[in-house]
Amino acid sequence: MKILFVIDRVELKYFEFNKLVTNFWLIKVFLERGCEVFISTIDMLKLKSAKAYSDCYRAFEKDDNIFFEKDNLQEFCVNDFDLVMFRPDPPVDLDYINATYILDFVDKNKTFIMNDTVSVRNFNEKLHAVMFNNLMPENIVTSSFNDILSFLKDKNEIIIKPLNQCFGGGVMYLKEGDKNTAVIINQMTNNGSKAVMVQKYIDKAVYGDKRVLFLGENILPYCVQKVPSNNDFKFCEHCDSNIKKAVLSDEEIEKFKPVAKKLNSMGIYMAGLDVIDGKIIEINVTSPCYFIKEINSHFGCNLQDEIVNYILDKVNDSLYALK
């Protein structure tokens, strides 16, 4: 099988293929199973005569690590690949959106794309979590200063989030009576011109949030707690001390099964919920981190093999079942 990973530009620039990166583990397993793996970024995607192409580098394994042929940039038609793993990080800006447009020109009968880029483009990780509003903390999405101020007065403590970032970027906590209230609201909304997600603050956030992991319609039995970092109110530093073992209750699994089923039906096969006190605070669909290193350590498993098994089965069922 020939596979293209579209990774984040920062990840390629600093080549952060280390054991904290989900892509590291997946590429490693694919290579060990004899697949050809190439890596690219969204700016390497292009159209020629209405066909999608990509410049990319071949990945290879050496001394139990992953490298790429830096001096050998090659161009391929995207339909030369059996599988495209589309995993750039937010922000979901115009460059990101344009990359998904280019992949609209890929023949999906020849190449399987995970997650489906049309679905990723149409699903905002903060805003579309409201599809499951009964499972979320109370919230509004608005650019209105007065809406946010009224919500703050009613809830006393709130969280304000930009709609297109990741890893806690730009997320603010605000308590009623804070002298910076007007400044924070105006800054977050760009003076009332940019919509934001506003959620009621959950007291148990001080203990961090759980990462609930989906593969297709299945909820994985492994779970981690992401603990707030460096006296912050949110997780924003990926290191061992901030990733704790967690357990999903039977009630949580049953509660989130409909979410997995719905996302899978939309072509979002790999996703991660961020959950506090049983409430979904957002749904990660762009490049969800599976915390493979930490989960393997905490649970004594090989999560990367389970994920690759699922992906390969999905590709085989989708592309080859009728051939």
C-alpha atoms as a PDB file:
ATOM      1  CA  MET A   1       0.000   0.000   0.000  1.00  0.00           C
ATOM      2  CA  LYS A   2       1.166   3.501  -0.869  1.00  0.00           C
ATOM      3  CA  ILE A   3       0.285   6.158   1.722  1.00  0.00           C
ATOM      4  CA  LEU A   4       0.539   9.947   1.845  1.00  0.00           C
ATOM      5  CA  PHE A   5       0.563  11.747   5.216  1.00  0.00           C
ATOM      6  CA  VAL A   6      -0.345  15.427   4.970  1.00  0.00           C
ATOM      7  CA  ILE A   7       1.129  16.718   8.218  1.00  0.00           C
ATOM      8  CA  ASP A   8       1.450  20.105   9.869  1.00  0.00           C
ATOM      9  CA  ARG A   9       3.994  22.565   8.459  1.00  0.00           C
ATOM     10  CA  VAL A  10       5.534  23.152  11.886  1.00  0.00           C
ATOM     11  CA  GLU A  11       5.852  19.406  12.361  1.00  0.00           C
ATOM     12  CA  LEU A  12       7.778  19.107   9.100  1.00  0.00           C
ATOM     13  CA  LYS A  13       9.899  22.208   9.703  1.00  0.00           C
ATOM     14  CA  TYR A  14      11.215  20.947  13.013  1.00  0.00           C
ATOM     15  CA  PHE A  15      10.585  17.319  12.136  1.00  0.00           C
ATOM     16  CA  GLU A  16       8.909  16.570  15.408  1.00  0.00           C
ATOM     17  CA  PHE A  17       8.523  12.911  14.562  1.00  0.00           C
ATOM     18  CA  ASN A  18       9.076  11.826  18.119  1.00  0.00           C
ATOM     19  CA  LYS A  19       7.127   9.562  20.417  1.00  0.00           C
ATOM     20  CA  LEU A  20       4.748  12.345  21.481  1.00  0.00           C
ATOM     21  CA  VAL A  21       3.440  12.658  17.925  1.00  0.00           C
ATOM     22  CA  THR A  22       0.632  10.366  16.756  1.00  0.00           C
ATOM     23  CA  ASN A  23       1.947  10.477  13.179  1.00  0.00           C
ATOM     24  CA  PHE A  24       5.283   9.034  14.324  1.00  0.00           C
ATOM     25  CA  TRP A  25       3.671   5.864  15.618  1.00  0.00           C
ATOM     26  CA  LEU A  26       1.330   5.383  12.659  1.00  0.00           C
ATOM     27  CA  ILE A  27       4.056   5.929  10.059  1.00  0.00           C
ATOM     28  CA  LYS A  28       6.358   3.573  11.961  1.00  0.00           C
ATOM     29  CA  VAL A  29       3.796   0.762  11.915  1.00  0.00           C
ATOM     30  CA  PHE A  30       2.918   1.324   8.255  1.00  0.00           C
ATOM     31  CA  LEU A  31       6.597   1.110   7.342  1.00  0.00           C
ATOM     32  CA  GLU A  32       7.090  -2.019   9.438  1.00  0.00           C
ATOM     33  CA  ARG A  33       4.223  -3.624   7.532  1.00  0.00           C
ATOM     34  CA  GLY A  34       5.862  -2.934   4.201  1.00  0.00           C
ATOM     35  CA  CYS A  35       3.887   0.102   3.097  1.00  0.00           C
ATOM     36  CA  GLU A  36       5.442   2.966   1.162  1.00  0.00           C
ATOM     37  CA  VAL A  37       4.929   6.177   3.136  1.00  0.00           C
ATOM     38  CA  PHE A  38       5.382   9.748   1.914  1.00  0.00           C
ATOM     39  CA  ILE A  39       4.883  13.008   3.801  1.00  0.00           C
ATOM     40  CA  SER A  40       3.764  16.436   2.638  1.00  0.00           C
ATOM     41  CA  THR A  41       2.104  19.600   3.920  1.00  0.00           C
ATOM     42  CA  ILE A  42      -0.869  21.613   2.711  1.00  0.00           C
ATOM     43  CA  ASP A  43       1.312  24.056   0.775  1.00  0.00           C
ATOM     44  CA  MET A  44       2.722  21.129  -1.242  1.00  0.00           C
ATOM     45  CA  LEU A  45      -0.724  20.271  -2.651  1.00  0.00           C
ATOM     46  CA  LYS A  46      -1.550  21.501  -6.150  1.00  0.00           C
ATOM     47  CA  LEU A  47      -3.885  21.087  -9.129  1.00  0.00           C
ATOM     48  CA  LYS A  48      -2.782  20.291 -12.683  1.00  0.00           C
ATOM     49  CA  SER A  49      -5.380  19.846 -15.400  1.00  0.00           C
ATOM     50  CA  ALA A  50      -8.048  19.341 -12.730  1.00  0.00           C
ATOM     51  CA  LYS A  51      -6.069  16.581 -10.997  1.00  0.00           C
ATOM     52  CA  ALA A  52      -4.688  16.792  -7.459  1.00  0.00           C
ATOM     53  CA  TYR A  53      -0.912  16.451  -7.048  1.00  0.00           C
ATOM     54  CA  SER A  54       1.478  16.763  -4.157  1.00  0.00           C
ATOM     55  CA  ASP A  55       5.182  17.299  -3.684  1.00  0.00           C
ATOM     56  CA  CYS A  56       6.332  14.941  -0.944  1.00  0.00           C
ATOM     57  CA  TYR A  57       9.234  13.202   0.743  1.00  0.00           C
ATOM     58  CA  ARG A  58       9.652   9.469   1.209  1.00  0.00           C
ATOM     59  CA  ALA A  59       9.720   8.414   4.864  1.00  0.00           C
ATOM     60  CA  PHE A  60      11.943   5.636   6.151  1.00  0.00           C
ATOM     61  CA  GLU A  61      12.798   3.960   9.439  1.00  0.00           C
ATOM     62  CA  LYS A  62      16.302   3.801  10.874  1.00  0.00           C
ATOM     63  CA  ASP A  63      17.447   2.883  14.380  1.00  0.00           C
ATOM     64  CA  ASP A  64      13.828   2.735  15.586  1.00  0.00           C
ATOM     65  CA  ASN A  65      13.174   6.305  14.452  1.00  0.00           C
ATOM     66  CA  ILE A  66      11.479   7.905  11.438  1.00  0.00           C
ATOM     67  CA  PHE A  67      13.252  10.116   8.892  1.00  0.00           C
ATOM     68  CA  PHE A  68      12.510  11.508   5.465  1.00  0.00           C
ATOM     69  CA  GLU A  69      14.622  11.985   2.349  1.00  0.00           C
ATOM     70  CA  LYS A  70      15.157  15.726   2.641  1.00  0.00           C
ATOM     71  CA  ASP A  71      17.075  16.024  -0.634  1.00  0.00           C
ATOM     72  CA  ASN A  72      14.585  14.040  -2.686  1.00  0.00           C
ATOM     73  CA  LEU A  73      11.358  15.983  -3.134  1.00  0.00           C
ATOM     74  CA  GLN A  74       9.070  14.057  -5.490  1.00  0.00           C
ATOM     75  CA  GLU A  75       5.791  14.907  -7.183  1.00  0.00           C
ATOM     76  CA  PHE A  76       2.932  12.411  -7.356  1.00  0.00           C
ATOM     77  CA  CYS A  77      -0.667  12.506  -8.449  1.00  0.00           C
ATOM     78  CA  VAL A  78      -2.644  12.060  -5.245  1.00  0.00           C
ATOM     79  CA  ASN A  79      -4.530   9.229  -6.910  1.00  0.00           C
ATOM     80  CA  ASP A  80      -1.229   7.335  -7.051  1.00  0.00           C
ATOM     81  CA  PHE A  81      -1.776   6.728  -3.335  1.00  0.00           C
ATOM     82  CA  ASP A  82      -4.150   4.177  -1.837  1.00  0.00           C
ATOM     83  CA  LEU A  83      -4.557   6.220   1.326  1.00  0.00           C
ATOM     84  CA  VAL A  84      -4.193   9.873   2.310  1.00  0.00           C
ATOM     85  CA  MET A  85      -3.950  10.623   6.033  1.00  0.00           C
ATOM     86  CA  PHE A  86      -5.004  14.290   6.201  1.00  0.00           C
ATOM     87  CA  ARG A  87      -3.633  15.520   9.550  1.00  0.00           C
ATOM     88  CA  PRO A  88      -2.554  19.191   9.488  1.00  0.00           C
ATOM     89  CA  ASP A  89      -3.236  21.082  12.710  1.00  0.00           C
ATOM     90  CA  PRO A  90      -5.478  24.127  12.987  1.00  0.00           C
ATOM     91  CA  PRO A  91      -5.804  27.042  12.579  1.00  0.00           C
ATOM     92  CA  VAL A  92      -8.400  26.168   9.974  1.00  0.00           C
ATOM     93  CA  ASP A  93      -7.591  29.231   7.910  1.00  0.00           C
ATOM     94  CA  LEU A  94      -7.888  29.963   4.197  1.00  0.00           C
ATOM     95  CA  ASP A  95      -4.762  27.914   3.378  1.00  0.00           C
ATOM     96  CA  TYR A  96      -6.230  24.948   5.219  1.00  0.00           C
ATOM     97  CA  ILE A  97      -9.601  25.322   3.478  1.00  0.00           C
ATOM     98  CA  ASN A  98      -7.938  25.621   0.061  1.00  0.00           C
ATOM     99  CA  ALA A  99      -6.063  22.372   0.714  1.00  0.00           C
ATOM    100  CA  THR A 100      -9.365  20.591   1.282  1.00  0.00           C
ATOM    101  CA  TYR A 101     -10.659  22.101  -1.969  1.00  0.00           C
ATOM    102  CA  ILE A 102      -7.709  20.625  -3.874  1.00  0.00           C
ATOM    103  CA  LEU A 103      -8.462  17.205  -2.429  1.00  0.00           C
ATOM    104  CA  ASP A 104     -12.023  17.521  -3.772  1.00  0.00           C
ATOM    105  CA  PHE A 105     -10.435  16.633  -7.120  1.00  0.00           C
ATOM    106  CA  VAL A 106      -9.202  13.244  -5.890  1.00  0.00           C
ATOM    107  CA  ASP A 107     -11.084  10.218  -7.223  1.00  0.00           C
ATOM    108  CA  LYS A 108     -12.360   8.698  -3.969  1.00  0.00           C
ATOM    109  CA  ASN A 109     -12.940   5.370  -5.712  1.00  0.00           C
ATOM    110  CA  LYS A 110      -9.165   5.062  -6.108  1.00  0.00           C
ATOM    111  CA  THR A 111      -7.849   6.807  -2.994  1.00  0.00           C
ATOM    112  CA  PHE A 112      -9.266   6.738   0.516  1.00  0.00           C
ATOM    113  CA  ILE A 113      -8.888   9.955   2.549  1.00  0.00           C
ATOM    114  CA  MET A 114      -8.989   9.899   6.352  1.00  0.00           C
ATOM    115  CA  ASN A 115     -10.588  11.952   7.753  1.00  0.00           C
ATOM    116  CA  ASP A 116     -12.775  12.861   4.796  1.00  0.00           C
ATOM    117  CA  THR A 117     -11.694  16.387   3.915  1.00  0.00           C
ATOM    118  CA  VAL A 118     -15.178  17.562   2.942  1.00  0.00           C
ATOM    119  CA  SER A 119     -16.411  16.527   6.376  1.00  0.00           C
ATOM    120  CA  VAL A 120     -13.422  18.106   8.126  1.00  0.00           C
ATOM    121  CA  ARG A 121     -14.017  21.340   6.205  1.00  0.00           C
ATOM    122  CA  ASN A 122     -17.687  21.309   7.171  1.00  0.00           C
ATOM    123  CA  PHE A 123     -17.129  20.492  10.852  1.00  0.00           C
ATOM    124  CA  ASN A 124     -15.827  23.179  13.183  1.00  0.00           C
ATOM    125  CA  GLU A 125     -14.334  21.543  16.257  1.00  0.00           C
ATOM    126  CA  LYS A 126     -15.836  24.072  18.665  1.00  0.00           C
ATOM    127  CA  LEU A 127     -19.017  25.195  16.946  1.00  0.00           C
ATOM    128  CA  HIS A 128     -20.266  21.852  15.633  1.00  0.00           C
ATOM    129  CA  ALA A 129     -19.872  20.223  19.021  1.00  0.00           C
ATOM    130  CA  VAL A 130     -23.253  21.917  19.554  1.00  0.00           C
ATOM    131  CA  MET A 131     -24.721  19.112  17.437  1.00  0.00           C
ATOM    132  CA  PHE A 132     -24.534  17.264  20.762  1.00  0.00           C
ATOM    133  CA  ASN A 133     -25.635  20.225  22.862  1.00  0.00           C
ATOM    134  CA  ASN A 134     -27.280  18.067  25.528  1.00  0.00           C
ATOM    135  CA  LEU A 135     -23.825  16.619  26.257  1.00  0.00           C
ATOM    136  CA  MET A 136     -22.104  20.015  26.524  1.00  0.00           C
ATOM    137  CA  PRO A 137     -21.866  22.695  29.209  1.00  0.00           C
ATOM    138  CA  GLU A 138     -24.251  25.602  28.631  1.00  0.00           C
ATOM    139  CA  ASN A 139     -22.924  27.679  25.752  1.00  0.00           C
ATOM    140  CA  ILE A 140     -23.473  30.350  23.143  1.00  0.00           C
ATOM    141  CA  VAL A 141     -21.688  31.143  19.875  1.00  0.00           C
ATOM    142  CA  THR A 142     -21.693  34.874  19.167  1.00  0.00           C
ATOM    143  CA  SER A 143     -19.663  37.970  18.350  1.00  0.00           C
ATOM    144  CA  SER A 144     -21.933  40.225  20.418  1.00  0.00           C
ATOM    145  CA  PHE A 145     -20.392  41.992  23.418  1.00  0.00           C
ATOM    146  CA  ASN A 146     -23.796  42.230  25.107  1.00  0.00           C
ATOM    147  CA  ASP A 147     -24.555  38.532  24.555  1.00  0.00           C
ATOM    148  CA  ILE A 148     -21.283  37.524  26.206  1.00  0.00           C
ATOM    149  CA  LEU A 149     -21.665  40.027  29.045  1.00  0.00           C
ATOM    150  CA  SER A 150     -25.189  38.768  29.760  1.00  0.00           C
ATOM    151  CA  PHE A 151     -23.992  35.144  29.679  1.00  0.00           C
ATOM    152  CA  LEU A 152     -21.172  36.041  32.074  1.00  0.00           C
ATOM    153  CA  LYS A 153     -23.548  37.714  34.523  1.00  0.00           C
ATOM    154  CA  ASP A 154     -25.809  34.662  34.433  1.00  0.00           C
ATOM    155  CA  LYS A 155     -23.066  32.015  34.783  1.00  0.00           C
ATOM    156  CA  ASN A 156     -20.509  33.993  36.860  1.00  0.00           C
ATOM    157  CA  GLU A 157     -17.529  32.117  35.331  1.00  0.00           C
ATOM    158  CA  ILE A 158     -17.089  31.438  31.616  1.00  0.00           C
ATOM    159  CA  ILE A 159     -14.610  30.203  29.027  1.00  0.00           C
ATOM    160  CA  ILE A 160     -14.216  32.064  25.713  1.00  0.00           C
ATOM    161  CA  LYS A 161     -12.676  30.203  22.760  1.00  0.00           C
ATOM    162  CA  PRO A 162     -11.677  31.189  19.221  1.00  0.00           C
ATOM    163  CA  LEU A 163     -13.332  28.866  16.711  1.00  0.00           C
ATOM    164  CA  ASN A 164     -10.330  27.863  14.611  1.00  0.00           C
ATOM    165  CA  GLN A 165      -7.341  27.162  16.878  1.00  0.00           C
ATOM    166  CA  CYS A 166      -6.052  24.130  18.768  1.00  0.00           C
ATOM    167  CA  PHE A 167      -4.116  23.055  21.856  1.00  0.00           C
ATOM    168  CA  GLY A 168      -5.754  25.690  24.032  1.00  0.00           C
ATOM    169  CA  GLY A 169      -4.619  28.524  21.770  1.00  0.00           C
ATOM    170  CA  GLY A 170      -6.387  31.799  22.570  1.00  0.00           C
ATOM    171  CA  VAL A 171      -8.724  30.252  25.164  1.00  0.00           C
ATOM    172  CA  MET A 172      -9.581  32.681  27.979  1.00  0.00           C
ATOM    173  CA  TYR A 173     -11.184  32.328  31.412  1.00  0.00           C
ATOM    174  CA  LEU A 174     -13.351  35.188  32.629  1.00  0.00           C
ATOM    175  CA  LYS A 175     -15.086  35.765  35.967  1.00  0.00           C
ATOM    176  CA  GLU A 176     -17.813  38.311  36.586  1.00  0.00           C
ATOM    177  CA  GLY A 177     -16.380  41.489  38.027  1.00  0.00           C
ATOM    178  CA  ASP A 178     -12.980  41.125  36.368  1.00  0.00           C
ATOM    179  CA  LYS A 179     -11.746  44.617  35.546  1.00  0.00           C
ATOM    180  CA  ASN A 180     -10.457  43.355  32.201  1.00  0.00           C
ATOM    181  CA  THR A 181     -13.875  42.071  31.105  1.00  0.00           C
ATOM    182  CA  ALA A 182     -14.440  44.592  28.327  1.00  0.00           C
ATOM    183  CA  VAL A 183     -10.877  44.287  27.036  1.00  0.00           C
ATOM    184  CA  ILE A 184     -11.012  40.495  26.931  1.00  0.00           C
ATOM    185  CA  ILE A 185     -14.396  40.342  25.188  1.00  0.00           C
ATOM    186  CA  ASN A 186     -13.416  42.970  22.626  1.00  0.00           C
ATOM    187  CA  GLN A 187     -10.080  41.309  21.970  1.00  0.00           C
ATOM    188  CA  MET A 188     -11.608  37.838  21.576  1.00  0.00           C
ATOM    189  CA  THR A 189     -14.370  39.075  19.240  1.00  0.00           C
ATOM    190  CA  ASN A 190     -12.202  41.602  17.393  1.00  0.00           C
ATOM    191  CA  ASN A 191     -14.533  44.337  18.603  1.00  0.00           C
ATOM    192  CA  GLY A 192     -17.684  42.437  17.782  1.00  0.00           C
ATOM    193  CA  SER A 193     -16.705  41.213  14.312  1.00  0.00           C
ATOM    194  CA  LYS A 194     -15.646  37.614  15.064  1.00  0.00           C
ATOM    195  CA  ALA A 195     -17.809  34.854  16.539  1.00  0.00           C
ATOM    196  CA  VAL A 196     -16.453  32.883  19.489  1.00  0.00           C
ATOM    197  CA  MET A 197     -17.571  29.880  21.533  1.00  0.00           C
ATOM    198  CA  VAL A 198     -18.572  30.844  25.085  1.00  0.00           C
ATOM    199  CA  GLN A 199     -19.115  28.080  27.639  1.00  0.00           C
ATOM    200  CA  LYS A 200     -20.056  27.959  31.284  1.00  0.00           C
ATOM    201  CA  TYR A 201     -16.917  27.215  33.285  1.00  0.00           C
ATOM    202  CA  ILE A 202     -16.927  23.750  34.864  1.00  0.00           C
ATOM    203  CA  ASP A 203     -15.455  23.701  38.365  1.00  0.00           C
ATOM    204  CA  LYS A 204     -13.814  20.299  37.837  1.00  0.00           C
ATOM    205  CA  ALA A 205     -11.680  21.803  35.062  1.00  0.00           C
ATOM    206  CA  VAL A 206      -9.002  22.238  37.722  1.00  0.00           C
ATOM    207  CA  TYR A 207      -8.431  18.464  37.415  1.00  0.00           C
ATOM    208  CA  GLY A 208      -8.050  18.646  33.640  1.00  0.00           C
ATOM    209  CA  ASP A 209     -10.061  17.059  30.824  1.00  0.00           C
ATOM    210  CA  LYS A 210     -10.357  13.508  29.575  1.00  0.00           C
ATOM    211  CA  ARG A 211      -9.466  12.593  26.008  1.00  0.00           C
ATOM    212  CA  VAL A 212     -12.076  10.118  24.755  1.00  0.00           C
ATOM    213  CA  LEU A 213     -10.884   8.436  21.558  1.00  0.00           C
ATOM    214  CA  PHE A 214     -12.969   7.161  18.645  1.00  0.00           C
ATOM    215  CA  LEU A 215     -12.133   4.766  15.836  1.00  0.00           C
ATOM    216  CA  GLY A 216     -15.119   4.602  13.548  1.00  0.00           C
ATOM    217  CA  GLU A 217     -18.175   3.816  15.653  1.00  0.00           C
ATOM    218  CA  ASN A 218     -16.065   2.382  18.462  1.00  0.00           C
ATOM    219  CA  ILE A 219     -14.973   4.149  21.637  1.00  0.00           C
ATOM    220  CA  LEU A 220     -11.530   2.968  22.649  1.00  0.00           C
ATOM    221  CA  PRO A 221     -11.251   1.544  26.184  1.00  0.00           C
ATOM    222  CA  TYR A 222      -8.142   3.667  26.830  1.00  0.00           C
ATOM    223  CA  CYS A 223      -8.343   7.161  28.227  1.00  0.00           C
ATOM    224  CA  VAL A 224      -6.016   9.855  29.569  1.00  0.00           C
ATOM    225  CA  GLN A 225      -6.540  12.892  31.755  1.00  0.00           C
ATOM    226  CA  LYS A 226      -4.838  16.039  30.461  1.00  0.00           C
ATOM    227  CA  VAL A 227      -3.847  18.067  33.487  1.00  0.00           C
ATOM    228  CA  PRO A 228      -3.563  21.895  33.415  1.00  0.00           C
ATOM    229  CA  SER A 229      -0.017  23.112  32.812  1.00  0.00           C
ATOM    230  CA  ASN A 230       2.243  25.595  34.612  1.00  0.00           C
ATOM    231  CA  ASN A 231      -0.445  27.160  36.814  1.00  0.00           C
ATOM    232  CA  ASP A 232      -2.678  27.626  33.764  1.00  0.00           C
ATOM    233  CA  PHE A 233      -6.367  26.715  33.888  1.00  0.00           C
ATOM    234  CA  LYS A 234      -6.023  24.456  30.839  1.00  0.00           C
ATOM    235  CA  PHE A 235      -3.795  21.754  29.367  1.00  0.00           C
ATOM    236  CA  CYS A 236      -1.221  23.382  27.091  1.00  0.00           C
ATOM    237  CA  GLU A 237       2.025  21.441  27.552  1.00  0.00           C
ATOM    238  CA  HIS A 238       2.403  17.898  26.234  1.00  0.00           C
ATOM    239  CA  CYS A 239       4.718  16.161  28.706  1.00  0.00           C
ATOM    240  CA  ASP A 240       4.547  13.061  30.889  1.00  0.00           C
ATOM    241  CA  SER A 241       3.726  14.963  34.069  1.00  0.00           C
ATOM    242  CA  ASN A 242       0.587  16.418  32.460  1.00  0.00           C
ATOM    243  CA  ILE A 243      -0.811  13.150  31.061  1.00  0.00           C
ATOM    244  CA  LYS A 244      -2.414  10.879  33.655  1.00  0.00           C
ATOM    245  CA  LYS A 245      -4.171   7.538  33.313  1.00  0.00           C
ATOM    246  CA  ALA A 246      -7.961   7.871  33.345  1.00  0.00           C
ATOM    247  CA  VAL A 247     -10.912   5.512  33.207  1.00  0.00           C
ATOM    248  CA  LEU A 248     -14.126   5.769  31.222  1.00  0.00           C
ATOM    249  CA  SER A 249     -17.232   4.763  33.129  1.00  0.00           C
ATOM    250  CA  ASP A 250     -19.871   2.535  31.517  1.00  0.00           C
ATOM    251  CA  GLU A 251     -22.196   5.530  31.670  1.00  0.00           C
ATOM    252  CA  GLU A 252     -19.734   7.706  29.739  1.00  0.00           C
ATOM    253  CA  ILE A 253     -19.220   5.033  27.084  1.00  0.00           C
ATOM    254  CA  GLU A 254     -22.965   4.685  26.520  1.00  0.00           C
ATOM    255  CA  LYS A 255     -23.380   8.461  26.504  1.00  0.00           C
ATOM    256  CA  PHE A 256     -20.757   9.001  23.811  1.00  0.00           C
ATOM    257  CA  LYS A 257     -21.629   6.079  21.523  1.00  0.00           C
ATOM    258  CA  PRO A 258     -24.156   8.166  19.519  1.00  0.00           C
ATOM    259  CA  VAL A 259     -21.447  10.795  18.982  1.00  0.00           C
ATOM    260  CA  ALA A 260     -19.071   8.202  17.537  1.00  0.00           C
ATOM    261  CA  LYS A 261     -21.813   6.792  15.334  1.00  0.00           C
ATOM    262  CA  LYS A 262     -22.793  10.213  13.990  1.00  0.00           C
ATOM    263  CA  LEU A 263     -19.222  11.313  13.265  1.00  0.00           C
ATOM    264  CA  ASN A 264     -18.454   8.009  11.542  1.00  0.00           C
ATOM    265  CA  SER A 265     -21.500   8.448   9.291  1.00  0.00           C
ATOM    266  CA  MET A 266     -20.084  11.841   8.283  1.00  0.00           C
ATOM    267  CA  GLY A 267     -16.709  10.405   7.226  1.00  0.00           C
ATOM    268  CA  ILE A 268     -14.952  11.435  10.439  1.00  0.00           C
ATOM    269  CA  TYR A 269     -13.430   8.106  11.442  1.00  0.00           C
ATOM    270  CA  MET A 270     -10.735   9.332  13.842  1.00  0.00           C
ATOM    271  CA  ALA A 271     -11.811  11.801  16.514  1.00  0.00           C
ATOM    272  CA  GLY A 272     -11.114  12.753  20.096  1.00  0.00           C
ATOM    273  CA  LEU A 273     -13.529  14.259  22.563  1.00  0.00           C
ATOM    274  CA  ASP A 274     -12.315  16.587  25.281  1.00  0.00           C
ATOM    275  CA  VAL A 275     -14.549  15.935  28.276  1.00  0.00           C
ATOM    276  CA  ILE A 276     -14.836  17.563  31.722  1.00  0.00           C
ATOM    277  CA  ASP A 277     -17.176  16.083  34.335  1.00  0.00           C
ATOM    278  CA  GLY A 278     -19.020  14.133  31.638  1.00  0.00           C
ATOM    279  CA  LYS A 279     -19.495  17.200  29.433  1.00  0.00           C
ATOM    280  CA  ILE A 280     -18.028  17.582  25.937  1.00  0.00           C
ATOM    281  CA  ILE A 281     -16.092  20.846  25.655  1.00  0.00           C
ATOM    282  CA  GLU A 282     -14.951  20.259  22.053  1.00  0.00           C
ATOM    283  CA  ILE A 283     -14.531  17.578  19.394  1.00  0.00           C
ATOM    284  CA  ASN A 284     -11.130  17.121  17.747  1.00  0.00           C
ATOM    285  CA  VAL A 285     -11.444  15.985  14.125  1.00  0.00           C
ATOM    286  CA  THR A 286      -8.567  17.691  12.272  1.00  0.00           C
ATOM    287  CA  SER A 287      -5.498  15.921  13.696  1.00  0.00           C
ATOM    288  CA  PRO A 288      -6.601  14.288  16.942  1.00  0.00           C
ATOM    289  CA  CYS A 289      -3.731  13.243  19.197  1.00  0.00           C
ATOM    290  CA  TYR A 290      -4.128   9.653  20.407  1.00  0.00           C
ATOM    291  CA  PHE A 291      -1.487  10.002  23.161  1.00  0.00           C
ATOM    292  CA  ILE A 292      -0.058   6.678  22.014  1.00  0.00           C
ATOM    293  CA  LYS A 293       3.146   6.810  24.039  1.00  0.00           C
ATOM    294  CA  GLU A 294       1.290   7.569  27.261  1.00  0.00           C
ATOM    295  CA  ILE A 295      -1.558   5.109  26.673  1.00  0.00           C
ATOM    296  CA  ASN A 296       0.860   2.301  25.847  1.00  0.00           C
ATOM    297  CA  SER A 297       2.711   3.025  29.069  1.00  0.00           C
ATOM    298  CA  HIS A 298      -0.380   3.302  31.262  1.00  0.00           C
ATOM    299  CA  PHE A 299      -2.345   0.391  29.801  1.00  0.00           C
ATOM    300  CA  GLY A 300       0.388  -1.989  28.610  1.00  0.00           C
ATOM    301  CA  CYS A 301      -0.985  -2.074  25.069  1.00  0.00           C
ATOM    302  CA  ASN A 302       0.191  -1.295  21.528  1.00  0.00           C
ATOM    303  CA  LEU A 303      -2.427   1.250  20.512  1.00  0.00           C
ATOM    304  CA  GLN A 304      -0.625   2.109  17.264  1.00  0.00           C
ATOM    305  CA  ASP A 305      -1.246  -1.420  15.961  1.00  0.00           C
ATOM    306  CA  GLU A 306      -4.945  -1.230  16.773  1.00  0.00           C
ATOM    307  CA  ILE A 307      -5.260   2.072  14.935  1.00  0.00           C
ATOM    308  CA  VAL A 308      -3.358   0.852  11.871  1.00  0.00           C
ATOM    309  CA  ASN A 309      -5.405  -2.368  11.794  1.00  0.00           C
ATOM    310  CA  TYR A 310      -8.570  -0.281  11.725  1.00  0.00           C
ATOM    311  CA  ILE A 311      -7.249   2.031   9.011  1.00  0.00           C
ATOM    312  CA  LEU A 312      -6.107  -0.820   6.776  1.00  0.00           C
ATOM    313  CA  ASP A 313      -9.425  -2.635   7.173  1.00  0.00           C
ATOM    314  CA  LYS A 314     -11.274   0.570   6.328  1.00  0.00           C
ATOM    315  CA  VAL A 315      -9.201   1.159   3.201  1.00  0.00           C
ATOM    316  CA  ASN A 316      -9.545  -2.442   2.054  1.00  0.00           C
ATOM    317  CA  ASP A 317     -13.315  -2.437   2.608  1.00  0.00           C
ATOM    318  CA  SER A 318     -13.749   0.891   0.848  1.00  0.00           C
ATOM    319  CA  LEU A 319     -11.480   0.444  -2.166  1.00  0.00           C
ATOM    320  CA  TYR A 320     -11.165  -3.254  -2.817  1.00  0.00           C
ATOM    321  CA  ALA A 321     -14.325  -4.972  -1.584  1.00  0.00           C
ATOM    322  CA  LEU A 322     -16.116  -4.636  -4.921  1.00  0.00           C
ATOM    323  CA  LYS A 323     -13.073  -5.263  -7.145  1.00  0.00           C
END
